[in-house]
């Protein structure tokens, strides 16, 4: 595994960044449950959101806090992690612009099941759950879409649990790399670059294994020409082979 400290990742700086109305509408329009709204309807919904800027590493909310807000990423990346009773951190997801987080169906006594932390500098749109429920009442298509999305997320959670409990670590890591490549990958001279700061600890937490095991398998992937990697970055060189590893018996 490369020990070079330089990174090919695009550096994100939000200094002087403004969440313009056009940008807000563009990112809100990417959220699945808003995609059937007209521009006029989306503009009305946008007025219920507030914009906030966060620094890299800043926590947006912690696991166990009251679940009062629904949020949408406008710029930057956010990671969601849950903490086990043993104090271990399990990385649940990495979010990019257009992704939402928080439980849109949360009740007044519900809490967040995860901690949301900024992977980079970010601009986040936020709406109170009570206000979002008014949006669902006003636009039935939003409510129906939310129900479908929450059902899909439940199935994804079940699949993730199955992966963590039944698949060998090598398959888990191959699956994670393919998934991240599909979501964050950008064509680059080094390969399909996962445009996201990604440490071995992050990958280990996603795979439910140790950083040492992750480093060993990632080193083998690199020796086999499947990936190129450095300090907190990974580029995929052979996605079909990684996909084959992730699904083969």
Protein backbone atom coordinates (compact mmCIF):
# COMPACT_ATOMS: atom_id res chain seq x y z
CA UNK A 1 0.00 0.00 0.00
CA UNK A 2 1.36 3.38 -1.00
CA UNK A 3 2.92 5.45 1.73
CA UNK A 4 2.72 8.68 -0.25
CA UNK A 5 1.17 11.48 1.74
CA UNK A 6 -0.08 13.53 -1.22
CA UNK A 7 -3.72 13.04 -2.14
CA UNK A 8 -5.50 13.13 -5.50
CA UNK A 9 -8.78 14.03 -3.78
CA UNK A 10 -10.36 17.33 -4.68
CA UNK A 11 -9.92 19.78 -1.82
CA UNK A 12 -13.25 21.24 -0.70
CA UNK A 13 -13.32 24.71 0.81
CA UNK A 14 -16.62 26.41 1.62
CA UNK A 15 -15.04 29.68 2.66
CA UNK A 16 -17.31 32.37 1.26
CA UNK A 17 -19.74 29.68 0.10
CA UNK A 18 -23.40 30.62 -0.03
CA UNK A 19 -26.36 28.28 -0.29
CA UNK A 20 -28.07 30.23 -3.07
CA UNK A 21 -31.74 29.60 -3.79
CA UNK A 22 -30.86 27.91 -7.09
CA UNK A 23 -28.34 25.62 -5.38
CA UNK A 24 -30.80 24.79 -2.60
CA UNK A 25 -33.52 23.96 -5.12
CA UNK A 26 -31.13 21.81 -7.15
CA UNK A 27 -30.10 19.71 -4.14
CA UNK A 28 -33.62 19.48 -2.69
CA UNK A 29 -34.79 18.33 -6.10
CA UNK A 30 -32.31 15.43 -5.86
CA UNK A 31 -33.95 14.13 -2.66
CA UNK A 32 -36.12 11.16 -3.73
CA UNK A 33 -39.31 12.24 -1.95
CA UNK A 34 -39.21 15.73 -3.52
CA UNK A 35 -38.62 14.62 -7.11
CA UNK A 36 -42.31 14.68 -8.09
CA UNK A 37 -42.83 18.24 -6.89
CA UNK A 38 -43.11 21.11 -9.36
CA UNK A 39 -40.61 23.96 -9.20
CA UNK A 40 -43.24 26.18 -7.57
CA UNK A 41 -43.99 23.53 -4.93
CA UNK A 42 -40.27 22.97 -4.32
CA UNK A 43 -39.77 26.69 -3.78
CA UNK A 44 -42.48 26.66 -1.10
CA UNK A 45 -40.85 23.67 0.60
CA UNK A 46 -37.42 25.33 0.40
CA UNK A 47 -38.67 28.23 2.53
CA UNK A 48 -39.16 25.84 5.45
CA UNK A 49 -35.46 24.86 5.43
CA UNK A 50 -32.61 26.74 7.08
CA UNK A 51 -28.98 26.55 5.93
CA UNK A 52 -25.96 25.91 8.18
CA UNK A 53 -22.25 25.60 7.48
CA UNK A 54 -20.07 23.12 9.39
CA UNK A 55 -16.33 22.56 9.58
CA UNK A 56 -14.59 19.27 8.83
CA UNK A 57 -14.83 16.93 11.82
CA UNK A 58 -17.66 18.91 13.45
CA UNK A 59 -20.53 16.85 14.87
CA UNK A 60 -24.03 17.72 13.64
CA UNK A 61 -25.81 15.52 16.20
CA UNK A 62 -24.96 12.59 18.44
CA UNK A 63 -26.52 9.19 18.87
CA UNK A 64 -29.15 9.50 21.60
CA UNK A 65 -30.00 13.15 20.93
CA UNK A 66 -33.68 14.00 20.37
CA UNK A 67 -34.57 13.40 16.71
CA UNK A 68 -36.07 16.80 15.93
CA UNK A 69 -34.64 17.61 12.49
CA UNK A 70 -34.43 16.23 8.96
CA UNK A 71 -31.37 17.36 7.00
CA UNK A 72 -30.15 17.48 3.40
CA UNK A 73 -26.51 17.74 2.28
CA UNK A 74 -25.99 20.68 -0.12
CA UNK A 75 -22.18 20.65 -0.28
CA UNK A 76 -19.51 18.39 1.23
CA UNK A 77 -19.73 14.92 2.78
CA UNK A 78 -21.21 13.60 6.03
CA UNK A 79 -20.62 10.24 7.69
CA UNK A 80 -23.12 8.41 9.88
CA UNK A 81 -21.79 6.10 12.61
CA UNK A 82 -23.41 4.12 15.42
CA UNK A 83 -21.74 3.14 18.69
CA UNK A 84 -22.18 -0.32 20.18
CA UNK A 85 -22.60 -1.14 23.86
CA UNK A 86 -18.92 -2.14 23.83
CA UNK A 87 -17.99 1.37 22.75
CA UNK A 88 -17.04 0.41 19.19
CA UNK A 89 -17.96 2.65 16.27
CA UNK A 90 -19.70 1.17 13.23
CA UNK A 91 -19.71 3.33 10.11
CA UNK A 92 -23.21 3.14 8.60
CA UNK A 93 -23.08 5.41 5.58
CA UNK A 94 -21.29 8.17 3.73
CA UNK A 95 -23.45 10.98 2.36
CA UNK A 96 -22.99 13.33 -0.57
CA UNK A 97 -24.91 16.39 -1.87
CA UNK A 98 -28.57 15.53 -2.41
CA UNK A 99 -28.63 12.87 0.33
CA UNK A 100 -30.93 13.29 3.33
CA UNK A 101 -30.41 12.04 6.89
CA UNK A 102 -32.45 11.84 10.05
CA UNK A 103 -35.73 9.96 10.44
CA UNK A 104 -38.55 11.77 8.57
CA UNK A 105 -41.11 9.68 10.52
CA UNK A 106 -39.67 10.43 13.97
CA UNK A 107 -42.07 11.12 16.84
CA UNK A 108 -41.65 13.65 19.63
CA UNK A 109 -39.91 11.11 21.90
CA UNK A 110 -37.67 9.49 19.28
CA UNK A 111 -33.89 9.80 19.33
CA UNK A 112 -31.19 9.57 16.67
CA UNK A 113 -29.84 6.05 16.22
CA UNK A 114 -26.52 7.33 14.88
CA UNK A 115 -24.00 10.16 15.13
CA UNK A 116 -23.64 12.51 12.14
CA UNK A 117 -20.16 13.95 11.64
CA UNK A 118 -18.79 16.10 8.84
CA UNK A 119 -16.23 14.28 6.71
CA UNK A 120 -15.43 17.60 4.99
CA UNK A 121 -16.61 21.19 5.29
CA UNK A 122 -20.33 21.09 4.59
CA UNK A 123 -23.44 23.14 3.91
CA UNK A 124 -26.55 21.48 5.34
CA UNK A 125 -30.24 22.31 4.95
CA UNK A 126 -32.41 21.52 7.99
CA UNK A 127 -36.14 21.31 8.60
CA UNK A 128 -37.96 20.48 11.82
CA UNK A 129 -39.71 17.11 11.73
CA UNK A 130 -42.97 18.84 12.71
CA UNK A 131 -42.64 21.14 9.67
CA UNK A 132 -41.74 18.21 7.43
CA UNK A 133 -44.87 16.36 8.53
CA UNK A 134 -46.86 19.41 7.43
CA UNK A 135 -45.14 19.10 4.03
CA UNK A 136 -46.18 15.44 3.85
CA UNK A 137 -49.77 16.38 4.69
CA UNK A 138 -49.81 19.02 1.98
CA UNK A 139 -48.14 16.87 -0.70
CA UNK A 140 -49.33 13.22 -0.62
CA UNK A 141 -46.67 12.19 -3.16
CA UNK A 142 -44.00 13.14 -0.60
CA UNK A 143 -45.66 11.02 2.10
CA UNK A 144 -45.98 7.99 -0.18
CA UNK A 145 -42.37 8.31 -1.29
CA UNK A 146 -41.16 8.56 2.32
CA UNK A 147 -42.94 5.30 3.17
CA UNK A 148 -41.29 3.55 0.21
CA UNK A 149 -37.86 4.95 1.08
CA UNK A 150 -38.08 3.94 4.73
CA UNK A 151 -39.06 0.40 3.67
CA UNK A 152 -36.06 0.28 1.32
CA UNK A 153 -33.76 1.49 4.08
CA UNK A 154 -35.06 -1.23 6.39
CA UNK A 155 -34.25 -3.84 3.76
CA UNK A 156 -30.79 -2.33 3.25
CA UNK A 157 -30.17 -2.51 7.00
CA UNK A 158 -31.13 -6.17 7.02
CA UNK A 159 -28.80 -6.88 4.11
CA UNK A 160 -25.98 -5.03 5.88
CA UNK A 161 -26.50 -7.11 9.03
CA UNK A 162 -26.43 -10.25 6.90
CA UNK A 163 -23.17 -9.16 5.28
CA UNK A 164 -21.56 -8.40 8.64
CA UNK A 165 -22.62 -11.72 10.18
CA UNK A 166 -22.24 -14.19 7.30
CA UNK A 167 -19.72 -13.00 4.72
CA UNK A 168 -15.91 -13.28 5.01
CA UNK A 169 -14.13 -9.97 5.55
CA UNK A 170 -12.58 -10.04 2.06
CA UNK A 171 -16.03 -10.18 0.48
CA UNK A 172 -17.31 -7.43 2.76
CA UNK A 173 -14.50 -5.07 1.82
CA UNK A 174 -14.88 -5.83 -1.88
CA UNK A 175 -18.60 -5.10 -1.63
CA UNK A 176 -17.98 -1.85 0.28
CA UNK A 177 -15.42 -0.64 -2.28
CA UNK A 178 -17.77 -1.37 -5.19
CA UNK A 179 -20.63 0.40 -3.40
CA UNK A 180 -18.50 3.46 -2.62
CA UNK A 181 -17.15 3.44 -6.17
CA UNK A 182 -20.67 3.48 -7.58
CA UNK A 183 -21.68 6.36 -5.31
CA UNK A 184 -18.56 8.52 -5.08
CA UNK A 185 -16.35 7.28 -7.94
CA UNK A 186 -14.87 9.75 -10.43
CA UNK A 187 -12.72 8.89 -13.44
CA UNK A 188 -9.10 9.77 -12.69
CA UNK A 189 -5.65 8.91 -13.99
CA UNK A 190 -5.24 6.62 -10.96
CA UNK A 191 -8.48 4.74 -11.68
CA UNK A 192 -12.05 5.16 -10.43
CA UNK A 193 -11.21 7.53 -7.59
CA UNK A 194 -13.53 7.41 -4.57
CA UNK A 195 -13.86 11.16 -4.07
CA UNK A 196 -14.05 10.98 -0.30
CA UNK A 197 -11.50 11.06 2.55
CA UNK A 198 -11.45 7.40 3.54
CA UNK A 199 -9.22 5.99 6.28
CA UNK A 200 -8.50 2.31 6.96
CA UNK A 201 -10.40 2.77 10.23
CA UNK A 202 -13.45 3.99 8.27
CA UNK A 203 -13.33 0.91 6.05
CA UNK A 204 -12.79 -1.35 9.05
CA UNK A 205 -15.83 0.14 10.80
CA UNK A 206 -17.97 -0.37 7.71
CA UNK A 207 -16.82 -3.98 7.39
CA UNK A 208 -17.13 -4.74 11.10
CA UNK A 209 -13.50 -5.82 11.46
CA UNK A 210 -10.14 -4.55 12.73
CA UNK A 211 -7.98 -1.92 11.07
CA UNK A 212 -5.14 -4.47 10.91
CA UNK A 213 -7.25 -7.00 9.00
CA UNK A 214 -8.51 -4.25 6.70
CA UNK A 215 -4.96 -3.06 5.94
CA UNK A 216 -3.84 -6.62 5.16
CA UNK A 217 -6.70 -7.26 2.72
CA UNK A 218 -6.39 -3.82 1.11
CA UNK A 219 -2.67 -4.48 0.61
CA UNK A 220 -3.55 -7.74 -1.12
CA UNK A 221 -6.11 -5.95 -3.33
CA UNK A 222 -3.40 -3.48 -4.29
CA UNK A 223 -0.83 -6.20 -5.03
CA UNK A 224 -3.42 -7.90 -7.24
CA UNK A 225 -3.93 -4.67 -9.17
CA UNK A 226 -7.53 -4.21 -8.07
CA UNK A 227 -6.98 -0.84 -6.35
CA UNK A 228 -4.47 1.94 -5.86
CA UNK A 229 -4.45 3.67 -2.50
CA UNK A 230 -2.68 6.19 -0.32
CA UNK A 231 -3.27 8.18 2.84
CA UNK A 232 -7.07 8.39 3.18
CA UNK A 233 -7.84 7.75 -0.49
CA UNK A 234 -8.66 4.75 -2.68
CA UNK A 235 -8.96 4.38 -6.45
CA UNK A 236 -10.50 1.26 -8.01
CA UNK A 237 -8.60 -0.22 -10.95
CA UNK A 238 -10.67 -3.33 -11.62
CA UNK A 239 -14.27 -2.99 -10.46
CA UNK A 240 -15.50 -6.17 -12.25
CA UNK A 241 -13.01 -8.32 -10.32
CA UNK A 242 -13.92 -6.66 -7.01
CA UNK A 243 -17.59 -7.26 -7.78
CA UNK A 244 -16.80 -10.91 -8.58
CA UNK A 245 -14.98 -11.31 -5.26
CA UNK A 246 -17.93 -9.79 -3.39
CA UNK A 247 -20.50 -12.23 -4.83
CA UNK A 248 -18.64 -15.45 -5.60
CA UNK A 249 -19.27 -18.53 -3.43
